Amino acid sequence: DNRRMNSSISPNGIARLGYFGCIRVTGPDASAFLQSQLTSDFASLPAGSARLAGFCSAKGRLQASFFGWKQGEDIVLLCAADLLVATLKRMSMFVLRMKCKLSDATQELPVFGLAGADDDGPLTSLSIWEVHATADGTLIRLPDGQGQALGLWLPRLGALALPNLPMLSQDAWRWLQISSGVPVIEAKTVDMFVPQMINFEILGGVDFQKGCYPGQEVVARSQYRSTLKRRMFLFDCDIGVSAGQEVFGTVDPAQPAGVVANAAPAQNGPGSRALVELKMSELQRGTLHLGHSDGAVLTQRDLPYTIAISSAESG
């Protein structure tokens, strides 16, 4: 099966992640403000849990994605560093009379990625999306990638005591994070995806019971009318791949079949691993190619979760 997970490489250690940045939301209305703006429920966010969330346009297209959690009285939103400034500016426009303030906290909250769950490792005792705050910093368990436990470590400013783990490259950790099937909106993919196109609701990134937020009607319609014909899948490719690159299929080679959401260099040789959003009809027939219809072939790998595809979606 060409979708077999390649398990020959499973990095273990800690990596400094420069491609993430942090937004701090402070003030008595912080939760209420985020409840009105994001796809997830922040009104009932408990202190020990993190949430995957999206910030959509009025047309339901993702402008940014976040890992969000409470840090004391504040809420921290972790997002792609290359769109943080624009996202901070756009979200701040909607604060209006609410008693909260958004600020760039990237300098005070450096982000490290952890990989591997040894019996005595820091991630072992945490459930997925659980947050553990200590005097030294904040530890967040993420969904596993390539059979490895993954997490984020944000040391408190001035307390740069790192867990005693081997150093990993940023690319190695990102390869694992992409293997987990959890996408991150980057500057090159802003305004491209309705949340379900990149499996956000499967991952718990959309709450369909909460109140209004920008784009909610479009997101709800995609869910309940079975109009979705696009999903995100995991692929390997023998050459370099980058976010925003188009993918072409052999069914309709004149039109792009999809677009790369995230990519990282392969960890066991040349090439890349990528999360690709595409038409499900192209996935089921023919082959997929990077950049143009006779470009490098994309080989599908298994995601660690199931995408249920109805006949209405795949048509």
C-alpha atoms as a PDB file:
ATOM      1  CA  ASP A   1       0.000   0.000   0.000  1.00  0.00           C
ATOM      2  CA  ASN A   2       1.607   3.236  -1.115  1.00  0.00           C
ATOM      3  CA  ARG A   3      -0.117   5.059   1.737  1.00  0.00           C
ATOM      4  CA  ARG A   4       1.810   3.061   4.324  1.00  0.00           C
ATOM      5  CA  MET A   5       3.308   5.341   6.965  1.00  0.00           C
ATOM      6  CA  ASN A   6       7.056   5.524   6.653  1.00  0.00           C
ATOM      7  CA  SER A   7       8.103   4.789  10.212  1.00  0.00           C
ATOM      8  CA  SER A   8      11.841   4.413   9.692  1.00  0.00           C
ATOM      9  CA  ILE A   9      12.521   7.862  11.104  1.00  0.00           C
ATOM     10  CA  SER A  10      10.976   9.086  14.338  1.00  0.00           C
ATOM     11  CA  PRO A  11      12.937  12.046  15.700  1.00  0.00           C
ATOM     12  CA  ASN A  12      13.021  12.479  19.453  1.00  0.00           C
ATOM     13  CA  GLY A  13      14.019  15.659  21.256  1.00  0.00           C
ATOM     14  CA  ILE A  14      13.426  19.394  21.428  1.00  0.00           C
ATOM     15  CA  ALA A  15      13.548  22.063  18.708  1.00  0.00           C
ATOM     16  CA  ARG A  16      13.382  25.854  18.760  1.00  0.00           C
ATOM     17  CA  LEU A  17      10.442  26.833  16.532  1.00  0.00           C
ATOM     18  CA  GLY A  18      10.957  30.169  14.836  1.00  0.00           C
ATOM     19  CA  TYR A  19       7.951  29.876  12.532  1.00  0.00           C
ATOM     20  CA  PHE A  20       5.458  30.364  15.364  1.00  0.00           C
ATOM     21  CA  GLY A  21       4.568  33.593  17.127  1.00  0.00           C
ATOM     22  CA  CYS A  22       2.274  34.412  20.040  1.00  0.00           C
ATOM     23  CA  ILE A  23      -0.555  36.891  20.531  1.00  0.00           C
ATOM     24  CA  ARG A  24      -1.555  37.729  24.105  1.00  0.00           C
ATOM     25  CA  VAL A  25      -5.173  38.701  24.781  1.00  0.00           C
ATOM     26  CA  THR A  26      -5.642  40.534  28.077  1.00  0.00           C
ATOM     27  CA  GLY A  27      -8.570  42.117  29.884  1.00  0.00           C
ATOM     28  CA  PRO A  28     -11.884  41.056  31.465  1.00  0.00           C
ATOM     29  CA  ASP A  29     -13.525  40.565  28.049  1.00  0.00           C
ATOM     30  CA  ALA A  30     -10.726  38.438  26.538  1.00  0.00           C
ATOM     31  CA  SER A  31     -12.784  35.210  26.457  1.00  0.00           C
ATOM     32  CA  ALA A  32     -15.933  36.963  25.246  1.00  0.00           C
ATOM     33  CA  PHE A  33     -14.028  38.705  22.468  1.00  0.00           C
ATOM     34  CA  LEU A  34     -12.438  35.497  21.186  1.00  0.00           C
ATOM     35  CA  GLN A  35     -15.811  33.757  21.458  1.00  0.00           C
ATOM     36  CA  SER A  36     -17.192  36.331  19.013  1.00  0.00           C
ATOM     37  CA  GLN A  37     -14.301  36.033  16.551  1.00  0.00           C
ATOM     38  CA  LEU A  38     -12.992  32.444  16.405  1.00  0.00           C
ATOM     39  CA  THR A  39     -14.400  29.084  15.292  1.00  0.00           C
ATOM     40  CA  SER A  40     -13.881  27.389  18.674  1.00  0.00           C
ATOM     41  CA  ASP A  41     -15.545  27.850  22.053  1.00  0.00           C
ATOM     42  CA  PHE A  42     -13.460  30.169  24.230  1.00  0.00           C
ATOM     43  CA  ALA A  43     -16.277  31.103  26.626  1.00  0.00           C
ATOM     44  CA  SER A  44     -15.933  27.742  28.387  1.00  0.00           C
ATOM     45  CA  LEU A  45     -12.182  27.221  27.874  1.00  0.00           C
ATOM     46  CA  PRO A  46     -10.833  25.557  31.052  1.00  0.00           C
ATOM     47  CA  ALA A  47      -7.455  26.512  32.462  1.00  0.00           C
ATOM     48  CA  GLY A  48      -5.825  23.165  31.656  1.00  0.00           C
ATOM     49  CA  SER A  49      -6.861  22.822  28.008  1.00  0.00           C
ATOM     50  CA  ALA A  50      -5.735  24.173  24.655  1.00  0.00           C
ATOM     51  CA  ARG A  51      -7.962  24.670  21.622  1.00  0.00           C
ATOM     52  CA  LEU A  52      -7.421  24.577  17.897  1.00  0.00           C
ATOM     53  CA  ALA A  53      -9.243  27.567  16.391  1.00  0.00           C
ATOM     54  CA  GLY A  54      -9.611  29.533  13.185  1.00  0.00           C
ATOM     55  CA  PHE A  55     -10.148  33.211  12.393  1.00  0.00           C
ATOM     56  CA  CYS A  56     -12.313  33.513   9.274  1.00  0.00           C
ATOM     57  CA  SER A  57     -13.309  36.230   6.861  1.00  0.00           C
ATOM     58  CA  ALA A  58     -16.990  37.033   6.332  1.00  0.00           C
ATOM     59  CA  LYS A  59     -16.858  34.522   3.454  1.00  0.00           C
ATOM     60  CA  GLY A  60     -15.758  31.738   5.810  1.00  0.00           C
ATOM     61  CA  ARG A  61     -12.153  31.594   4.584  1.00  0.00           C
ATOM     62  CA  LEU A  62      -9.417  31.133   7.169  1.00  0.00           C
ATOM     63  CA  GLN A  63      -7.271  34.215   7.777  1.00  0.00           C
ATOM     64  CA  ALA A  64      -5.270  32.501  10.528  1.00  0.00           C
ATOM     65  CA  SER A  65      -5.266  29.382  12.687  1.00  0.00           C
ATOM     66  CA  PHE A  66      -4.356  29.191  16.362  1.00  0.00           C
ATOM     67  CA  PHE A  67      -3.484  26.958  19.248  1.00  0.00           C
ATOM     68  CA  GLY A  68      -5.106  28.882  22.120  1.00  0.00           C
ATOM     69  CA  TRP A  69      -4.958  28.440  25.912  1.00  0.00           C
ATOM     70  CA  LYS A  70      -5.330  30.370  29.161  1.00  0.00           C
ATOM     71  CA  GLN A  71      -2.183  31.684  30.783  1.00  0.00           C
ATOM     72  CA  GLY A  72      -3.164  33.102  34.149  1.00  0.00           C
ATOM     73  CA  GLU A  73      -5.817  35.722  33.477  1.00  0.00           C
ATOM     74  CA  ASP A  74      -4.774  36.063  29.834  1.00  0.00           C
ATOM     75  CA  ILE A  75      -5.311  33.941  26.734  1.00  0.00           C
ATOM     76  CA  VAL A  76      -2.377  33.118  24.451  1.00  0.00           C
ATOM     77  CA  LEU A  77      -2.892  32.422  20.746  1.00  0.00           C
ATOM     78  CA  LEU A  78      -0.038  30.719  18.909  1.00  0.00           C
ATOM     79  CA  CYS A  79      -0.021  31.217  15.114  1.00  0.00           C
ATOM     80  CA  ALA A  80       2.318  31.308  12.120  1.00  0.00           C
ATOM     81  CA  ALA A  81       4.873  34.051  12.661  1.00  0.00           C
ATOM     82  CA  ASP A  82       4.682  35.251   9.052  1.00  0.00           C
ATOM     83  CA  LEU A  83       1.062  36.395   9.428  1.00  0.00           C
ATOM     84  CA  LEU A  84       1.051  37.462  13.070  1.00  0.00           C
ATOM     85  CA  VAL A  85       1.376  41.212  12.490  1.00  0.00           C
ATOM     86  CA  ALA A  86      -1.410  41.324   9.889  1.00  0.00           C
ATOM     87  CA  THR A  87      -3.643  39.087  12.018  1.00  0.00           C
ATOM     88  CA  LEU A  88      -3.052  41.163  15.146  1.00  0.00           C
ATOM     89  CA  LYS A  89      -3.986  44.325  13.260  1.00  0.00           C
ATOM     90  CA  ARG A  90      -7.103  42.793  11.711  1.00  0.00           C
ATOM     91  CA  MET A  91      -8.400  41.225  14.917  1.00  0.00           C
ATOM     92  CA  SER A  92      -7.761  44.394  16.923  1.00  0.00           C
ATOM     93  CA  MET A  93     -10.156  46.262  14.613  1.00  0.00           C
ATOM     94  CA  PHE A  94     -13.017  44.190  16.034  1.00  0.00           C
ATOM     95  CA  VAL A  95     -12.316  44.866  19.724  1.00  0.00           C
ATOM     96  CA  LEU A  96     -14.366  48.103  19.630  1.00  0.00           C
ATOM     97  CA  ARG A  97     -15.818  48.714  23.127  1.00  0.00           C
ATOM     98  CA  MET A  98     -14.877  45.354  24.603  1.00  0.00           C
ATOM     99  CA  LYS A  99     -12.479  45.490  27.532  1.00  0.00           C
ATOM    100  CA  CYS A 100      -9.551  43.591  26.106  1.00  0.00           C
ATOM    101  CA  LYS A 101      -6.299  44.217  24.305  1.00  0.00           C
ATOM    102  CA  LEU A 102      -4.276  42.138  21.849  1.00  0.00           C
ATOM    103  CA  SER A 103      -0.478  42.348  21.769  1.00  0.00           C
ATOM    104  CA  ASP A 104       2.486  40.571  20.179  1.00  0.00           C
ATOM    105  CA  ALA A 105       3.982  38.339  22.900  1.00  0.00           C
ATOM    106  CA  THR A 106       6.482  36.498  20.678  1.00  0.00           C
ATOM    107  CA  GLN A 107       9.570  37.961  22.350  1.00  0.00           C
ATOM    108  CA  GLU A 108       8.446  37.018  25.858  1.00  0.00           C
ATOM    109  CA  LEU A 109       7.145  33.566  24.878  1.00  0.00           C
ATOM    110  CA  PRO A 110       9.746  31.649  22.853  1.00  0.00           C
ATOM    111  CA  VAL A 111       8.290  28.435  21.420  1.00  0.00           C
ATOM    112  CA  PHE A 112       9.950  25.023  21.477  1.00  0.00           C
ATOM    113  CA  GLY A 113       8.641  21.782  20.019  1.00  0.00           C
ATOM    114  CA  LEU A 114       8.971  18.520  21.936  1.00  0.00           C
ATOM    115  CA  ALA A 115       8.886  15.079  20.339  1.00  0.00           C
ATOM    116  CA  GLY A 116       8.889  11.627  21.900  1.00  0.00           C
ATOM    117  CA  ALA A 117       7.248  10.143  24.973  1.00  0.00           C
ATOM    118  CA  ASP A 118       9.799   8.236  27.004  1.00  0.00           C
ATOM    119  CA  ASP A 119       8.422   6.649  30.160  1.00  0.00           C
ATOM    120  CA  ASP A 120       9.726   9.564  32.188  1.00  0.00           C
ATOM    121  CA  GLY A 121       9.406  12.176  29.426  1.00  0.00           C
ATOM    122  CA  PRO A 122       7.556  15.462  29.996  1.00  0.00           C
ATOM    123  CA  LEU A 123       4.689  14.601  27.607  1.00  0.00           C
ATOM    124  CA  THR A 124       3.903  11.123  28.909  1.00  0.00           C
ATOM    125  CA  SER A 125       1.396  12.107  31.575  1.00  0.00           C
ATOM    126  CA  LEU A 126      -0.534  14.632  29.447  1.00  0.00           C
ATOM    127  CA  SER A 127      -3.606  13.990  27.311  1.00  0.00           C
ATOM    128  CA  ILE A 128      -3.856  15.545  23.844  1.00  0.00           C
ATOM    129  CA  TRP A 129      -4.646  19.289  24.086  1.00  0.00           C
ATOM    130  CA  GLU A 130      -3.865  19.266  27.821  1.00  0.00           C
ATOM    131  CA  VAL A 131      -1.912  22.233  29.204  1.00  0.00           C
ATOM    132  CA  HIS A 132       0.446  21.947  32.182  1.00  0.00           C
ATOM    133  CA  ALA A 133       1.804  25.184  33.652  1.00  0.00           C
ATOM    134  CA  THR A 134       4.795  25.167  35.996  1.00  0.00           C
ATOM    135  CA  ALA A 135       7.097  27.764  37.494  1.00  0.00           C
ATOM    136  CA  ASP A 136       9.429  27.234  34.526  1.00  0.00           C
ATOM    137  CA  GLY A 137       6.901  27.506  31.695  1.00  0.00           C
ATOM    138  CA  THR A 138       3.922  26.023  29.888  1.00  0.00           C
ATOM    139  CA  LEU A 139       3.731  22.551  28.340  1.00  0.00           C
ATOM    140  CA  ILE A 140       1.019  21.704  25.787  1.00  0.00           C
ATOM    141  CA  ARG A 141       0.369  18.227  24.389  1.00  0.00           C
ATOM    142  CA  LEU A 142      -0.500  18.189  20.680  1.00  0.00           C
ATOM    143  CA  PRO A 143      -1.874  15.338  18.545  1.00  0.00           C
ATOM    144  CA  ASP A 144       0.759  12.660  17.859  1.00  0.00           C
ATOM    145  CA  GLY A 145       2.739  12.616  14.627  1.00  0.00           C
ATOM    146  CA  GLN A 146       4.325   9.525  13.058  1.00  0.00           C
ATOM    147  CA  GLY A 147       3.617   7.608  16.261  1.00  0.00           C
ATOM    148  CA  GLN A 148       5.504  10.177  18.325  1.00  0.00           C
ATOM    149  CA  ALA A 149       4.073  12.249  21.157  1.00  0.00           C
ATOM    150  CA  LEU A 150       4.296  15.939  20.222  1.00  0.00           C
ATOM    151  CA  GLY A 151       4.069  19.033  22.368  1.00  0.00           C
ATOM    152  CA  LEU A 152       4.970  22.681  22.755  1.00  0.00           C
ATOM    153  CA  TRP A 153       7.145  24.105  25.509  1.00  0.00           C
ATOM    154  CA  LEU A 154       7.020  27.851  26.235  1.00  0.00           C
ATOM    155  CA  PRO A 155       9.545  28.680  28.965  1.00  0.00           C
ATOM    156  CA  ARG A 156       8.859  31.692  31.145  1.00  0.00           C
ATOM    157  CA  LEU A 157      10.964  34.708  30.203  1.00  0.00           C
ATOM    158  CA  GLY A 158      14.300  34.471  31.965  1.00  0.00           C
ATOM    159  CA  ALA A 159      13.736  30.810  32.905  1.00  0.00           C
ATOM    160  CA  LEU A 160      15.223  29.161  29.837  1.00  0.00           C
ATOM    161  CA  ALA A 161      15.633  25.810  31.550  1.00  0.00           C
ATOM    162  CA  LEU A 162      14.871  23.327  28.772  1.00  0.00           C
ATOM    163  CA  PRO A 163      13.737  19.739  29.264  1.00  0.00           C
ATOM    164  CA  ASN A 164      16.727  17.397  29.171  1.00  0.00           C
ATOM    165  CA  LEU A 165      16.247  16.142  25.612  1.00  0.00           C
ATOM    166  CA  PRO A 166      18.437  15.936  22.486  1.00  0.00           C
ATOM    167  CA  MET A 167      18.282  18.976  20.236  1.00  0.00           C
ATOM    168  CA  LEU A 168      16.207  18.518  17.080  1.00  0.00           C
ATOM    169  CA  SER A 169      16.170  20.661  13.970  1.00  0.00           C
ATOM    170  CA  GLN A 170      13.097  22.785  13.370  1.00  0.00           C
ATOM    171  CA  ASP A 171      12.539  20.877  10.111  1.00  0.00           C
ATOM    172  CA  ALA A 172      12.540  17.510  11.901  1.00  0.00           C
ATOM    173  CA  TRP A 173       9.879  18.640  14.372  1.00  0.00           C
ATOM    174  CA  ARG A 174       7.803  20.237  11.646  1.00  0.00           C
ATOM    175  CA  TRP A 175       7.907  17.010   9.624  1.00  0.00           C
ATOM    176  CA  LEU A 176       6.394  15.252  12.634  1.00  0.00           C
ATOM    177  CA  GLN A 177       3.803  17.976  13.153  1.00  0.00           C
ATOM    178  CA  ILE A 178       2.737  17.768   9.498  1.00  0.00           C
ATOM    179  CA  SER A 179       2.535  13.974   9.892  1.00  0.00           C
ATOM    180  CA  SER A 180       0.008  14.581  12.705  1.00  0.00           C
ATOM    181  CA  GLY A 181      -2.377  16.045  10.121  1.00  0.00           C
ATOM    182  CA  VAL A 182      -2.902  19.306  12.026  1.00  0.00           C
ATOM    183  CA  PRO A 183      -2.583  22.211   9.566  1.00  0.00           C
ATOM    184  CA  VAL A 184      -1.281  25.710  10.257  1.00  0.00           C
ATOM    185  CA  ILE A 185      -2.455  28.653   8.131  1.00  0.00           C
ATOM    186  CA  GLU A 186       0.591  30.503   6.772  1.00  0.00           C
ATOM    187  CA  ALA A 187       0.902  33.833   4.955  1.00  0.00           C
ATOM    188  CA  LYS A 188       0.868  32.015   1.591  1.00  0.00           C
ATOM    189  CA  THR A 189      -2.429  30.252   2.360  1.00  0.00           C
ATOM    190  CA  VAL A 190      -4.459  33.088   3.908  1.00  0.00           C
ATOM    191  CA  ASP A 191      -8.016  33.272   2.514  1.00  0.00           C
ATOM    192  CA  MET A 192      -7.762  29.941   0.662  1.00  0.00           C
ATOM    193  CA  PHE A 193      -9.648  27.475   2.855  1.00  0.00           C
ATOM    194  CA  VAL A 194     -13.014  27.080   4.523  1.00  0.00           C
ATOM    195  CA  PRO A 195     -12.153  25.239   7.801  1.00  0.00           C
ATOM    196  CA  GLN A 196     -13.537  21.861   6.687  1.00  0.00           C
ATOM    197  CA  MET A 197     -11.346  21.892   3.556  1.00  0.00           C
ATOM    198  CA  ILE A 198      -8.349  21.338   5.848  1.00  0.00           C
ATOM    199  CA  ASN A 199     -10.138  18.955   8.246  1.00  0.00           C
ATOM    200  CA  PHE A 200     -10.528  21.520  11.009  1.00  0.00           C
ATOM    201  CA  GLU A 201     -13.813  20.174  12.335  1.00  0.00           C
ATOM    202  CA  ILE A 202     -12.408  16.616  12.518  1.00  0.00           C
ATOM    203  CA  LEU A 203      -9.597  17.968  14.703  1.00  0.00           C
ATOM    204  CA  GLY A 204     -11.965  19.846  17.031  1.00  0.00           C
ATOM    205  CA  GLY A 205     -11.219  23.267  15.561  1.00  0.00           C
ATOM    206  CA  VAL A 206     -14.868  24.215  14.898  1.00  0.00           C
ATOM    207  CA  ASP A 207     -17.687  24.355  17.464  1.00  0.00           C
ATOM    208  CA  PHE A 208     -21.077  24.174  15.742  1.00  0.00           C
ATOM    209  CA  GLN A 209     -23.038  24.932  18.925  1.00  0.00           C
ATOM    210  CA  LYS A 210     -21.466  28.283  19.788  1.00  0.00           C
ATOM    211  CA  GLY A 211     -22.730  31.730  18.810  1.00  0.00           C
ATOM    212  CA  CYS A 212     -21.890  33.908  15.844  1.00  0.00           C
ATOM    213  CA  TYR A 213     -18.418  34.656  14.524  1.00  0.00           C
ATOM    214  CA  PRO A 214     -17.260  35.999  11.133  1.00  0.00           C
ATOM    215  CA  GLY A 215     -18.025  33.482   8.383  1.00  0.00           C
ATOM    216  CA  GLN A 216     -20.118  31.222  10.634  1.00  0.00           C
ATOM    217  CA  GLU A 217     -22.984  30.841   8.143  1.00  0.00           C
ATOM    218  CA  VAL A 218     -20.633  29.664   5.384  1.00  0.00           C
ATOM    219  CA  VAL A 219     -18.883  27.223   7.734  1.00  0.00           C
ATOM    220  CA  ALA A 220     -22.215  25.816   8.971  1.00  0.00           C
ATOM    221  CA  ARG A 221     -23.569  25.481   5.424  1.00  0.00           C
ATOM    222  CA  SER A 222     -20.483  23.512   4.385  1.00  0.00           C
ATOM    223  CA  GLN A 223     -21.112  21.155   7.279  1.00  0.00           C
ATOM    224  CA  TYR A 224     -24.822  20.510   7.029  1.00  0.00           C
ATOM    225  CA  ARG A 225     -25.527  20.630   3.303  1.00  0.00           C
ATOM    226  CA  SER A 226     -22.823  18.120   2.301  1.00  0.00           C
ATOM    227  CA  THR A 227     -21.512  20.602  -0.247  1.00  0.00           C
ATOM    228  CA  LEU A 228     -17.882  19.989   0.616  1.00  0.00           C
ATOM    229  CA  LYS A 229     -15.921  18.458  -2.244  1.00  0.00           C
ATOM    230  CA  ARG A 230     -12.428  19.218  -0.936  1.00  0.00           C
ATOM    231  CA  ARG A 231     -10.370  17.807   1.913  1.00  0.00           C
ATOM    232  CA  MET A 232      -6.784  17.751   3.149  1.00  0.00           C
ATOM    233  CA  PHE A 233      -4.555  14.685   2.819  1.00  0.00           C
ATOM    234  CA  LEU A 234      -0.947  13.748   3.583  1.00  0.00           C
ATOM    235  CA  PHE A 235       1.625  13.183   0.836  1.00  0.00           C
ATOM    236  CA  ASP A 236       5.322  12.607   0.256  1.00  0.00           C
ATOM    237  CA  CYS A 237       7.166  14.015  -2.747  1.00  0.00           C
ATOM    238  CA  ASP A 238      10.682  13.427  -4.063  1.00  0.00           C
ATOM    239  CA  ILE A 239      11.447  17.139  -4.438  1.00  0.00           C
ATOM    240  CA  GLY A 240      11.109  20.272  -2.304  1.00  0.00           C
ATOM    241  CA  VAL A 241       7.546  21.408  -1.620  1.00  0.00           C
ATOM    242  CA  SER A 242       6.323  24.703  -0.158  1.00  0.00           C
ATOM    243  CA  ALA A 243       3.038  26.102   1.116  1.00  0.00           C
ATOM    244  CA  GLY A 244       0.835  27.678  -1.535  1.00  0.00           C
ATOM    245  CA  GLN A 245       2.113  25.535  -4.415  1.00  0.00           C
ATOM    246  CA  GLU A 246      -0.605  24.201  -6.682  1.00  0.00           C
ATOM    247  CA  VAL A 247      -1.183  20.503  -7.264  1.00  0.00           C
ATOM    248  CA  PHE A 248      -2.516  19.064 -10.542  1.00  0.00           C
ATOM    249  CA  GLY A 249      -4.247  15.768 -11.236  1.00  0.00           C
ATOM    250  CA  THR A 250      -4.478  13.640 -14.345  1.00  0.00           C
ATOM    251  CA  VAL A 251      -8.301  13.727 -14.398  1.00  0.00           C
ATOM    252  CA  ASP A 252      -8.500  17.428 -15.290  1.00  0.00           C
ATOM    253  CA  PRO A 253      -4.873  18.467 -15.943  1.00  0.00           C
ATOM    254  CA  ALA A 254      -5.781  21.977 -17.106  1.00  0.00           C
ATOM    255  CA  GLN A 255      -7.140  23.003 -13.689  1.00  0.00           C
ATOM    256  CA  PRO A 256      -5.387  22.920 -10.303  1.00  0.00           C
ATOM    257  CA  ALA A 257      -6.662  20.025  -8.207  1.00  0.00           C
ATOM    258  CA  GLY A 258      -5.536  21.568  -4.961  1.00  0.00           C
ATOM    259  CA  VAL A 259      -2.927  23.505  -3.016  1.00  0.00           C
ATOM    260  CA  VAL A 260      -0.191  22.710  -0.491  1.00  0.00           C
ATOM    261  CA  ALA A 261      -1.186  23.834   3.011  1.00  0.00           C
ATOM    262  CA  ASN A 262       2.086  22.989   4.810  1.00  0.00           C
ATOM    263  CA  ALA A 263       5.313  21.210   3.931  1.00  0.00           C
ATOM    264  CA  ALA A 264       8.595  20.153   5.531  1.00  0.00           C
ATOM    265  CA  PRO A 265      11.782  18.502   4.238  1.00  0.00           C
ATOM    266  CA  ALA A 266      11.824  14.694   4.425  1.00  0.00           C
ATOM    267  CA  GLN A 267      13.781  13.247   7.348  1.00  0.00           C
ATOM    268  CA  ASN A 268      15.113  10.135   5.627  1.00  0.00           C
ATOM    269  CA  GLY A 269      16.444  11.421   2.322  1.00  0.00           C
ATOM    270  CA  PRO A 270      15.572  13.974  -0.354  1.00  0.00           C
ATOM    271  CA  GLY A 271      12.083  15.335  -0.845  1.00  0.00           C
ATOM    272  CA  SER A 272       9.272  16.603   1.360  1.00  0.00           C
ATOM    273  CA  ARG A 273       6.185  15.698   3.335  1.00  0.00           C
ATOM    274  CA  ALA A 274       3.135  17.893   2.776  1.00  0.00           C
ATOM    275  CA  LEU A 275      -0.455  18.456   3.791  1.00  0.00           C
ATOM    276  CA  VAL A 276      -2.386  19.111   0.584  1.00  0.00           C
ATOM    277  CA  GLU A 277      -5.962  20.385   0.261  1.00  0.00           C
ATOM    278  CA  LEU A 278      -7.562  19.043  -2.917  1.00  0.00           C
ATOM    279  CA  LYS A 279     -10.657  17.942  -4.790  1.00  0.00           C
ATOM    280  CA  MET A 280     -11.623  14.499  -3.556  1.00  0.00           C
ATOM    281  CA  SER A 281     -12.616  13.483  -7.080  1.00  0.00           C
ATOM    282  CA  GLU A 282      -8.970  13.901  -8.164  1.00  0.00           C
ATOM    283  CA  LEU A 283      -7.718  11.832  -5.231  1.00  0.00           C
ATOM    284  CA  GLN A 284      -9.792   8.830  -6.243  1.00  0.00           C
ATOM    285  CA  ARG A 285      -8.778   8.746  -9.897  1.00  0.00           C
ATOM    286  CA  GLY A 286      -5.386   9.140 -11.523  1.00  0.00           C
ATOM    287  CA  THR A 287      -2.200  10.571 -10.016  1.00  0.00           C
ATOM    288  CA  LEU A 288      -1.345  13.915  -8.446  1.00  0.00           C
ATOM    289  CA  HIS A 289       1.592  16.105  -9.447  1.00  0.00           C
ATOM    290  CA  LEU A 290       3.323  19.145  -7.986  1.00  0.00           C
ATOM    291  CA  GLY A 291       3.222  22.449  -9.866  1.00  0.00           C
ATOM    292  CA  HIS A 292       1.879  21.164 -13.217  1.00  0.00           C
ATOM    293  CA  SER A 293       0.305  18.041 -14.681  1.00  0.00           C
ATOM    294  CA  ASP A 294       3.661  16.409 -15.469  1.00  0.00           C
ATOM    295  CA  GLY A 295       5.438  17.596 -12.314  1.00  0.00           C
ATOM    296  CA  ALA A 296       6.815  15.458  -9.485  1.00  0.00           C
ATOM    297  CA  VAL A 297       4.405  12.757  -8.312  1.00  0.00           C
ATOM    298  CA  LEU A 298       2.754  13.003  -4.897  1.00  0.00           C
ATOM    299  CA  THR A 299       2.527   9.705  -2.975  1.00  0.00           C
ATOM    300  CA  GLN A 300      -0.293   9.518  -0.465  1.00  0.00           C
ATOM    301  CA  ARG A 301       0.445   8.590   3.168  1.00  0.00           C
ATOM    302  CA  ASP A 302      -2.008   7.713   5.920  1.00  0.00           C
ATOM    303  CA  LEU A 303      -3.302  10.445   8.172  1.00  0.00           C
ATOM    304  CA  PRO A 304      -3.628   9.434  11.832  1.00  0.00           C
ATOM    305  CA  TYR A 305      -7.377  10.115  11.672  1.00  0.00           C
ATOM    306  CA  THR A 306     -10.185   9.058   9.357  1.00  0.00           C
ATOM    307  CA  ILE A 307     -11.907  11.257   6.779  1.00  0.00           C
ATOM    308  CA  ALA A 308     -15.389   9.946   6.060  1.00  0.00           C
ATOM    309  CA  ILE A 309     -16.169  10.738   2.414  1.00  0.00           C
ATOM    310  CA  SER A 310     -19.800  10.624   1.299  1.00  0.00           C
ATOM    311  CA  SER A 311     -20.801  10.138  -2.313  1.00  0.00           C
ATOM    312  CA  ALA A 312     -22.096  13.723  -2.339  1.00  0.00           C
ATOM    313  CA  GLU A 313     -18.670  15.006  -1.285  1.00  0.00           C
ATOM    314  CA  SER A 314     -16.600  12.969  -3.706  1.00  0.00           C
ATOM    315  CA  GLY A 315     -18.663  13.644  -6.808  1.00  0.00           C
END
